[in-house]
C-alpha atoms as a PDB file:
ATOM      1  CA  UNK A   1     -24.162  -7.728 -12.978  1.00  0.00           C
ATOM      2  CA  UNK A   2     -21.633  -7.608 -15.799  1.00  0.00           C
ATOM      3  CA  UNK A   3     -18.018  -6.691 -15.262  1.00  0.00           C
ATOM      4  CA  UNK A   4     -17.721  -3.420 -16.453  1.00  0.00           C
ATOM      5  CA  UNK A   5     -20.589  -2.646 -14.291  1.00  0.00           C
ATOM      6  CA  UNK A   6     -19.764  -3.754 -11.209  1.00  0.00           C
ATOM      7  CA  UNK A   7     -16.725  -2.012 -12.088  1.00  0.00           C
ATOM      8  CA  UNK A   8     -18.159   1.188 -11.897  1.00  0.00           C
ATOM      9  CA  UNK A   9     -19.832   0.292  -9.268  1.00  0.00           C
ATOM     10  CA  UNK A  10     -16.501   0.094  -7.186  1.00  0.00           C
ATOM     11  CA  UNK A  11     -15.801   3.426  -8.410  1.00  0.00           C
ATOM     12  CA  UNK A  12     -18.495   4.992  -7.320  1.00  0.00           C
ATOM     13  CA  UNK A  13     -18.547   3.400  -3.668  1.00  0.00           C
ATOM     14  CA  UNK A  14     -14.345   4.060  -3.410  1.00  0.00           C
ATOM     15  CA  UNK A  15     -15.691   7.636  -4.319  1.00  0.00           C
ATOM     16  CA  UNK A  16     -19.289   8.119  -1.960  1.00  0.00           C
ATOM     17  CA  UNK A  17     -16.692   6.689   0.717  1.00  0.00           C
ATOM     18  CA  UNK A  18     -14.689   9.664  -0.240  1.00  0.00           C
ATOM     19  CA  UNK A  19     -17.448  12.379  -0.295  1.00  0.00           C
ATOM     20  CA  UNK A  20     -17.913  11.089   3.432  1.00  0.00           C
ATOM     21  CA  UNK A  21     -14.736  10.837   5.041  1.00  0.00           C
ATOM     22  CA  UNK A  22     -12.876  13.771   3.361  1.00  0.00           C
ATOM     23  CA  UNK A  23     -12.383  16.624   6.513  1.00  0.00           C
ATOM     24  CA  UNK A  24     -14.557  14.804   8.720  1.00  0.00           C
ATOM     25  CA  UNK A  25     -12.829  14.167  12.591  1.00  0.00           C
ATOM     26  CA  UNK A  26     -12.417  10.983  14.216  1.00  0.00           C
ATOM     27  CA  UNK A  27     -10.795  10.704  17.404  1.00  0.00           C
ATOM     28  CA  UNK A  28      -9.800  13.847  17.327  1.00  0.00           C
ATOM     29  CA  UNK A  29      -8.125  13.797  14.041  1.00  0.00           C
ATOM     30  CA  UNK A  30      -9.628  15.442  10.549  1.00  0.00           C
ATOM     31  CA  UNK A  31      -8.980  13.336   7.182  1.00  0.00           C
ATOM     32  CA  UNK A  32      -7.662  14.874   4.445  1.00  0.00           C
ATOM     33  CA  UNK A  33      -7.727  12.711   1.622  1.00  0.00           C
ATOM     34  CA  UNK A  34      -5.256  13.900  -1.511  1.00  0.00           C
ATOM     35  CA  UNK A  35      -6.287  13.280  -5.207  1.00  0.00           C
ATOM     36  CA  UNK A  36      -4.007  10.598  -4.842  1.00  0.00           C
ATOM     37  CA  UNK A  37      -5.769   8.571  -2.256  1.00  0.00           C
ATOM     38  CA  UNK A  38      -9.204   9.246  -3.668  1.00  0.00           C
ATOM     39  CA  UNK A  39      -8.154   7.990  -7.198  1.00  0.00           C
ATOM     40  CA  UNK A  40      -6.628   4.588  -5.221  1.00  0.00           C
ATOM     41  CA  UNK A  41      -9.348   4.293  -3.277  1.00  0.00           C
ATOM     42  CA  UNK A  42     -12.061   3.505  -6.049  1.00  0.00           C
ATOM     43  CA  UNK A  43      -9.544   1.434  -8.349  1.00  0.00           C
ATOM     44  CA  UNK A  44      -8.902  -0.361  -5.142  1.00  0.00           C
ATOM     45  CA  UNK A  45     -12.820  -0.201  -4.909  1.00  0.00           C
ATOM     46  CA  UNK A  46     -12.865  -0.894  -8.440  1.00  0.00           C
ATOM     47  CA  UNK A  47     -11.204  -4.172  -8.897  1.00  0.00           C
ATOM     48  CA  UNK A  48     -12.062  -5.669  -5.818  1.00  0.00           C
ATOM     49  CA  UNK A  49     -15.673  -5.008  -7.035  1.00  0.00           C
ATOM     50  CA  UNK A  50     -14.599  -8.163  -9.769  1.00  0.00           C
ATOM     51  CA  UNK A  51     -13.148 -10.415  -7.506  1.00  0.00           C
ATOM     52  CA  UNK A  52     -16.307 -12.332  -6.095  1.00  0.00           C
ATOM     53  CA  UNK A  53     -16.068 -13.155  -9.968  1.00  0.00           C
ATOM     54  CA  UNK A  54     -12.848 -15.463 -10.238  1.00  0.00           C
ATOM     55  CA  UNK A  55     -15.115 -18.516  -9.270  1.00  0.00           C
ATOM     56  CA  UNK A  56     -16.376 -18.517 -13.028  1.00  0.00           C
ATOM     57  CA  UNK A  57     -13.907 -19.578 -16.073  1.00  0.00           C
ATOM     58  CA  UNK A  58     -15.446 -16.522 -18.002  1.00  0.00           C
ATOM     59  CA  UNK A  59     -15.408 -13.787 -16.133  1.00  0.00           C
ATOM     60  CA  UNK A  60     -13.263 -10.326 -16.384  1.00  0.00           C
ATOM     61  CA  UNK A  61     -10.882 -10.351 -13.347  1.00  0.00           C
ATOM     62  CA  UNK A  62     -10.361 -14.601 -14.561  1.00  0.00           C
ATOM     63  CA  UNK A  63      -8.870 -13.109 -17.917  1.00  0.00           C
ATOM     64  CA  UNK A  64      -7.377 -10.374 -16.755  1.00  0.00           C
ATOM     65  CA  UNK A  65      -3.849 -12.347 -15.696  1.00  0.00           C
ATOM     66  CA  UNK A  66      -4.126 -15.519 -18.095  1.00  0.00           C
ATOM     67  CA  UNK A  67      -3.361 -18.790 -16.892  1.00  0.00           C
ATOM     68  CA  UNK A  68      -2.193 -17.593 -13.738  1.00  0.00           C
ATOM     69  CA  UNK A  69      -5.976 -16.258 -12.874  1.00  0.00           C
ATOM     70  CA  UNK A  70      -7.504 -18.616 -14.653  1.00  0.00           C
ATOM     71  CA  UNK A  71      -5.840 -21.663 -12.411  1.00  0.00           C
ATOM     72  CA  UNK A  72      -6.949 -19.677  -9.930  1.00  0.00           C
ATOM     73  CA  UNK A  73     -10.457 -19.916 -10.817  1.00  0.00           C
ATOM     74  CA  UNK A  74     -10.361 -23.631 -10.773  1.00  0.00           C
ATOM     75  CA  UNK A  75      -8.763 -23.744  -7.339  1.00  0.00           C
ATOM     76  CA  UNK A  76     -11.306 -20.965  -5.784  1.00  0.00           C
ATOM     77  CA  UNK A  77     -14.668 -22.835  -7.648  1.00  0.00           C
ATOM     78  CA  UNK A  78     -13.890 -26.113  -6.229  1.00  0.00           C
ATOM     79  CA  UNK A  79     -12.644 -24.577  -2.682  1.00  0.00           C
ATOM     80  CA  UNK A  80     -16.479 -22.535  -2.671  1.00  0.00           C
ATOM     81  CA  UNK A  81     -18.691 -24.781  -4.448  1.00  0.00           C
ATOM     82  CA  UNK A  82     -18.905 -23.443  -7.321  1.00  0.00           C
ATOM     83  CA  UNK A  83     -19.925 -19.668  -9.022  1.00  0.00           C
ATOM     84  CA  UNK A  84     -21.671 -17.486  -7.220  1.00  0.00           C
ATOM     85  CA  UNK A  85     -21.684 -19.496  -3.774  1.00  0.00           C
ATOM     86  CA  UNK A  86     -18.727 -19.136  -1.343  1.00  0.00           C
ATOM     87  CA  UNK A  87     -16.902 -15.994  -2.916  1.00  0.00           C
ATOM     88  CA  UNK A  88     -20.102 -14.013  -2.598  1.00  0.00           C
ATOM     89  CA  UNK A  89     -20.415 -14.190   0.890  1.00  0.00           C
ATOM     90  CA  UNK A  90     -19.468 -12.104   4.125  1.00  0.00           C
ATOM     91  CA  UNK A  91     -16.887 -14.677   4.978  1.00  0.00           C
ATOM     92  CA  UNK A  92     -15.020 -13.922   1.368  1.00  0.00           C
ATOM     93  CA  UNK A  93     -14.948 -10.023   1.761  1.00  0.00           C
ATOM     94  CA  UNK A  94     -13.631 -11.134   5.467  1.00  0.00           C
ATOM     95  CA  UNK A  95     -11.438 -13.785   4.077  1.00  0.00           C
ATOM     96  CA  UNK A  96     -10.323 -10.776   1.365  1.00  0.00           C
ATOM     97  CA  UNK A  97      -9.909  -8.115   3.684  1.00  0.00           C
ATOM     98  CA  UNK A  98      -7.831  -9.686   6.499  1.00  0.00           C
ATOM     99  CA  UNK A  99      -5.452 -11.224   3.808  1.00  0.00           C
ATOM    100  CA  UNK A 100      -4.917  -7.643   2.327  1.00  0.00           C
ATOM    101  CA  UNK A 101      -4.757  -6.169   5.682  1.00  0.00           C
ATOM    102  CA  UNK A 102      -1.593  -8.976   6.903  1.00  0.00           C
ATOM    103  CA  UNK A 103       0.207  -8.039   3.384  1.00  0.00           C
ATOM    104  CA  UNK A 104       0.190  -4.765   4.385  1.00  0.00           C
ATOM    105  CA  UNK A 105       1.989  -4.934   7.894  1.00  0.00           C
ATOM    106  CA  UNK A 106       4.503  -7.380   6.245  1.00  0.00           C
ATOM    107  CA  UNK A 107       5.675  -5.934   3.523  1.00  0.00           C
ATOM    108  CA  UNK A 108       5.233  -2.302   1.664  1.00  0.00           C
ATOM    109  CA  UNK A 109       6.816  -3.725  -1.621  1.00  0.00           C
ATOM    110  CA  UNK A 110       3.644  -6.675  -1.098  1.00  0.00           C
ATOM    111  CA  UNK A 111       1.104  -4.152  -1.094  1.00  0.00           C
ATOM    112  CA  UNK A 112       2.212  -2.034  -3.883  1.00  0.00           C
ATOM    113  CA  UNK A 113       2.019  -5.017  -5.900  1.00  0.00           C
ATOM    114  CA  UNK A 114      -1.825  -5.743  -4.961  1.00  0.00           C
ATOM    115  CA  UNK A 115      -2.613  -2.485  -5.625  1.00  0.00           C
ATOM    116  CA  UNK A 116      -1.034  -3.089  -9.840  1.00  0.00           C
ATOM    117  CA  UNK A 117      -2.637  -6.080  -9.517  1.00  0.00           C
ATOM    118  CA  UNK A 118      -6.094  -4.322  -8.737  1.00  0.00           C
ATOM    119  CA  UNK A 119      -5.519  -1.536 -10.798  1.00  0.00           C
ATOM    120  CA  UNK A 120      -5.110  -3.657 -13.383  1.00  0.00           C
ATOM    121  CA  UNK A 121      -8.473  -5.860 -13.060  1.00  0.00           C
ATOM    122  CA  UNK A 122     -10.381  -2.062 -12.766  1.00  0.00           C
ATOM    123  CA  UNK A 123      -8.409  -1.062 -15.956  1.00  0.00           C
ATOM    124  CA  UNK A 124      -9.923  -4.228 -17.814  1.00  0.00           C
ATOM    125  CA  UNK A 125     -13.506  -3.994 -16.054  1.00  0.00           C
ATOM    126  CA  UNK A 126     -13.929  -0.715 -17.109  1.00  0.00           C
ATOM    127  CA  UNK A 127     -13.290  -1.788 -20.361  1.00  0.00           C
ATOM    128  CA  UNK A 128      -9.234  -0.345 -21.088  1.00  0.00           C
ATOM    129  CA  UNK A 129      -8.496  -2.235 -24.082  1.00  0.00           C
ATOM    130  CA  UNK A 130      -9.250  -3.399 -27.361  1.00  0.00           C
ATOM    131  CA  UNK A 131     -11.727  -6.421 -27.105  1.00  0.00           C
ATOM    132  CA  UNK A 132      -9.815  -7.631 -30.731  1.00  0.00           C
ATOM    133  CA  UNK A 133      -6.551  -8.111 -29.617  1.00  0.00           C
ATOM    134  CA  UNK A 134      -5.704  -9.627 -26.614  1.00  0.00           C
ATOM    135  CA  UNK A 135      -2.046  -9.138 -26.435  1.00  0.00           C
ATOM    136  CA  UNK A 136      -2.173  -5.203 -27.516  1.00  0.00           C
ATOM    137  CA  UNK A 137      -5.099  -4.877 -24.802  1.00  0.00           C
ATOM    138  CA  UNK A 138      -2.284  -6.766 -21.783  1.00  0.00           C
ATOM    139  CA  UNK A 139      -0.103  -4.295 -22.605  1.00  0.00           C
ATOM    140  CA  UNK A 140      -2.093  -1.303 -22.507  1.00  0.00           C
ATOM    141  CA  UNK A 141      -3.373  -2.735 -19.588  1.00  0.00           C
ATOM    142  CA  UNK A 142      -0.374  -3.062 -17.927  1.00  0.00           C
ATOM    143  CA  UNK A 143       1.326  -0.173 -18.934  1.00  0.00           C
ATOM    144  CA  UNK A 144      -1.210   2.058 -17.701  1.00  0.00           C
ATOM    145  CA  UNK A 145      -1.637   0.091 -14.479  1.00  0.00           C
ATOM    146  CA  UNK A 146       2.320   0.594 -13.821  1.00  0.00           C
ATOM    147  CA  UNK A 147       1.906   4.444 -14.844  1.00  0.00           C
ATOM    148  CA  UNK A 148      -0.834   4.627 -12.290  1.00  0.00           C
ATOM    149  CA  UNK A 149       1.017   2.724  -9.339  1.00  0.00           C
ATOM    150  CA  UNK A 150       4.010   3.909  -9.520  1.00  0.00           C
ATOM    151  CA  UNK A 151       2.394   7.181  -9.800  1.00  0.00           C
ATOM    152  CA  UNK A 152       0.556   7.216  -6.639  1.00  0.00           C
ATOM    153  CA  UNK A 153       3.580   5.953  -4.683  1.00  0.00           C
ATOM    154  CA  UNK A 154       6.053   8.563  -6.378  1.00  0.00           C
ATOM    155  CA  UNK A 155       2.940  11.065  -5.011  1.00  0.00           C
ATOM    156  CA  UNK A 156       3.296   8.887  -1.172  1.00  0.00           C
ATOM    157  CA  UNK A 157      -0.336   7.678  -0.883  1.00  0.00           C
ATOM    158  CA  UNK A 158      -1.125   6.456   2.240  1.00  0.00           C
ATOM    159  CA  UNK A 159      -2.337   2.353   1.824  1.00  0.00           C
ATOM    160  CA  UNK A 160      -2.990   2.276   5.611  1.00  0.00           C
ATOM    161  CA  UNK A 161      -7.054   1.775   4.468  1.00  0.00           C
ATOM    162  CA  UNK A 162      -6.497  -0.772   1.512  1.00  0.00           C
ATOM    163  CA  UNK A 163      -7.943  -3.846   3.518  1.00  0.00           C
ATOM    164  CA  UNK A 164     -11.018  -2.272   4.630  1.00  0.00           C
ATOM    165  CA  UNK A 165     -11.797  -1.019   0.913  1.00  0.00           C
ATOM    166  CA  UNK A 166     -10.904  -4.358  -0.518  1.00  0.00           C
ATOM    167  CA  UNK A 167     -13.418  -5.847   2.006  1.00  0.00           C
ATOM    168  CA  UNK A 168     -15.767  -2.834   1.113  1.00  0.00           C
ATOM    169  CA  UNK A 169     -14.854  -3.439  -2.563  1.00  0.00           C
ATOM    170  CA  UNK A 170     -16.145  -7.805  -2.393  1.00  0.00           C
ATOM    171  CA  UNK A 171     -19.370  -6.245  -0.471  1.00  0.00           C
ATOM    172  CA  UNK A 172     -20.470  -3.529  -3.410  1.00  0.00           C
ATOM    173  CA  UNK A 173     -20.526  -6.828  -5.588  1.00  0.00           C
ATOM    174  CA  UNK A 174     -22.650  -8.870  -3.719  1.00  0.00           C
ATOM    175  CA  UNK A 175     -24.847  -5.652  -3.671  1.00  0.00           C
ATOM    176  CA  UNK A 176     -24.953  -5.805  -7.586  1.00  0.00           C
ATOM    177  CA  UNK A 177     -25.679  -9.128  -7.851  1.00  0.00           C
ATOM    178  CA  UNK A 178     -28.528  -8.936  -5.075  1.00  0.00           C
ATOM    179  CA  UNK A 179     -30.483  -6.996  -7.351  1.00  0.00           C
ATOM    180  CA  UNK A 180     -29.988  -9.651 -10.548  1.00  0.00           C
ATOM    181  CA  UNK A 181     -32.311 -12.720 -10.319  1.00  0.00           C
ATOM    182  CA  UNK A 182     -29.573 -15.097  -9.641  1.00  0.00           C
ATOM    183  CA  UNK A 183     -28.778 -13.187  -6.278  1.00  0.00           C
ATOM    184  CA  UNK A 184     -26.103 -14.278  -3.772  1.00  0.00           C
ATOM    185  CA  UNK A 185     -25.702 -16.689  -1.120  1.00  0.00           C
ATOM    186  CA  UNK A 186     -23.917 -13.442   1.452  1.00  0.00           C
ATOM    187  CA  UNK A 187     -24.041 -16.042   4.135  1.00  0.00           C
ATOM    188  CA  UNK A 188     -22.556 -18.798   2.905  1.00  0.00           C
ATOM    189  CA  UNK A 189     -20.985 -21.552   4.326  1.00  0.00           C
ATOM    190  CA  UNK A 190     -24.206 -21.044   7.614  1.00  0.00           C
ATOM    191  CA  UNK A 191     -26.926 -20.428   5.557  1.00  0.00           C
ATOM    192  CA  UNK A 192     -26.675 -21.438   1.557  1.00  0.00           C
ATOM    193  CA  UNK A 193     -29.729 -19.708   0.611  1.00  0.00           C
ATOM    194  CA  UNK A 194     -29.203 -17.206  -2.140  1.00  0.00           C
ATOM    195  CA  UNK A 195     -30.451 -13.355  -1.212  1.00  0.00           C
ATOM    196  CA  UNK A 196     -32.216 -11.391  -3.772  1.00  0.00           C
ATOM    197  CA  UNK A 197     -33.289 -13.221  -7.051  1.00  0.00           C
ATOM    198  CA  UNK A 198     -35.964 -10.035  -7.526  1.00  0.00           C
ATOM    199  CA  UNK A 199     -34.039  -7.823 -10.061  1.00  0.00           C
ATOM    200  CA  UNK A 200     -33.466  -7.735 -13.458  1.00  0.00           C
ATOM    201  CA  UNK A 201     -31.034 -10.162 -15.866  1.00  0.00           C
ATOM    202  CA  UNK A 202     -27.716 -10.324 -15.842  1.00  0.00           C
ATOM    203  CA  UNK A 203     -26.953  -7.816 -19.012  1.00  0.00           C
ATOM    204  CA  UNK A 204     -30.191  -7.337 -20.469  1.00  0.00           C
ATOM    205  CA  UNK A 205     -31.582  -4.258 -21.071  1.00  0.00           C
ATOM    206  CA  UNK A 206     -32.320  -2.568 -18.139  1.00  0.00           C
ATOM    207  CA  UNK A 207     -28.991  -2.815 -16.875  1.00  0.00           C
ATOM    208  CA  UNK A 208     -27.478  -1.963 -20.566  1.00  0.00           C
ATOM    209  CA  UNK A 209     -29.936   1.256 -20.580  1.00  0.00           C
ATOM    210  CA  UNK A 210     -30.250   2.100 -16.708  1.00  0.00           C
ATOM    211  CA  UNK A 211     -27.819   0.706 -14.721  1.00  0.00           C
ATOM    212  CA  UNK A 212     -24.528   1.659 -16.450  1.00  0.00           C
ATOM    213  CA  UNK A 213     -25.565   4.599 -17.728  1.00  0.00           C
ATOM    214  CA  UNK A 214     -26.390   5.739 -14.636  1.00  0.00           C
ATOM    215  CA  UNK A 215     -23.408   4.266 -13.009  1.00  0.00           C
ATOM    216  CA  UNK A 216     -21.409   6.184 -15.327  1.00  0.00           C
ATOM    217  CA  UNK A 217     -22.755   9.557 -14.826  1.00  0.00           C
ATOM    218  CA  UNK A 218     -22.066   8.863 -11.152  1.00  0.00           C
ATOM    219  CA  UNK A 219     -18.472   8.533 -11.922  1.00  0.00           C
ATOM    220  CA  UNK A 220     -18.389  11.736 -13.649  1.00  0.00           C
ATOM    221  CA  UNK A 221     -20.179  13.826 -10.855  1.00  0.00           C
ATOM    222  CA  UNK A 222     -18.156  12.348  -8.220  1.00  0.00           C
ATOM    223  CA  UNK A 223     -14.669  13.615  -9.859  1.00  0.00           C
ATOM    224  CA  UNK A 224     -16.437  17.268 -10.028  1.00  0.00           C
ATOM    225  CA  UNK A 225     -17.688  16.854  -6.593  1.00  0.00           C
ATOM    226  CA  UNK A 226     -14.241  15.987  -5.088  1.00  0.00           C
ATOM    227  CA  UNK A 227     -11.289  17.270  -7.092  1.00  0.00           C
ATOM    228  CA  UNK A 228     -10.600  20.966  -7.634  1.00  0.00           C
ATOM    229  CA  UNK A 229      -9.937  21.133 -11.039  1.00  0.00           C
ATOM    230  CA  UNK A 230      -8.670  24.517 -11.200  1.00  0.00           C
ATOM    231  CA  UNK A 231      -5.914  23.105  -8.749  1.00  0.00           C
ATOM    232  CA  UNK A 232      -4.934  19.988 -10.654  1.00  0.00           C
ATOM    233  CA  UNK A 233      -4.695  21.334 -13.804  1.00  0.00           C
ATOM    234  CA  UNK A 234      -1.839  23.375 -15.358  1.00  0.00           C
ATOM    235  CA  UNK A 235      -2.381  27.491 -15.599  1.00  0.00           C
ATOM    236  CA  UNK A 236      -2.065  28.332 -19.403  1.00  0.00           C
ATOM    237  CA  UNK A 237      -2.656  32.054 -18.360  1.00  0.00           C
END
């Protein structure tokens, strides 16, 4: 799938997990996810859902941070065997989840920086910016990302789940690509054969006219279900 579809699937996936966990009891503890955790989780999943395509020079995630992500793309493309190879595997999902978890244990500042980067990638994937003016788009993206990240930080958003959310977002990318004609080698490096390959064409009519609109509707419905809008919106009476 294209970047915007992957990003939307990440938002939908993050919302679905939040809906499934909200007010559930685990080991005697009831999970009460606030708006900050729901928004952060959805955007983190959206950004992470774009990470596997960092092995491609023209991908949304590769273009988000200019030369930095372009050089990283070349390195990962070489290390993981080309596009839609190692970065599209459960190994890569586990690797990213582990790295982010270790970062969370190491430094709160590292967590905030990584959240900032992922939210920036998510907004870029969701089309937040100006397609014909990359400089202006970058500035808009950076300002919006900074505002969201700082707001989440100021409200005391808990990121103990960050590594798990990143791994989940990466895996969502696999399922998105598995329903296209190319498929993905999810069991790389043990088994390199691609899984899927029987679906629709990437950026084809079905993705544009069916998949993307359905994901967009799912985001809207998820927002209505998860957020108590009368409480969130200011009272003008």
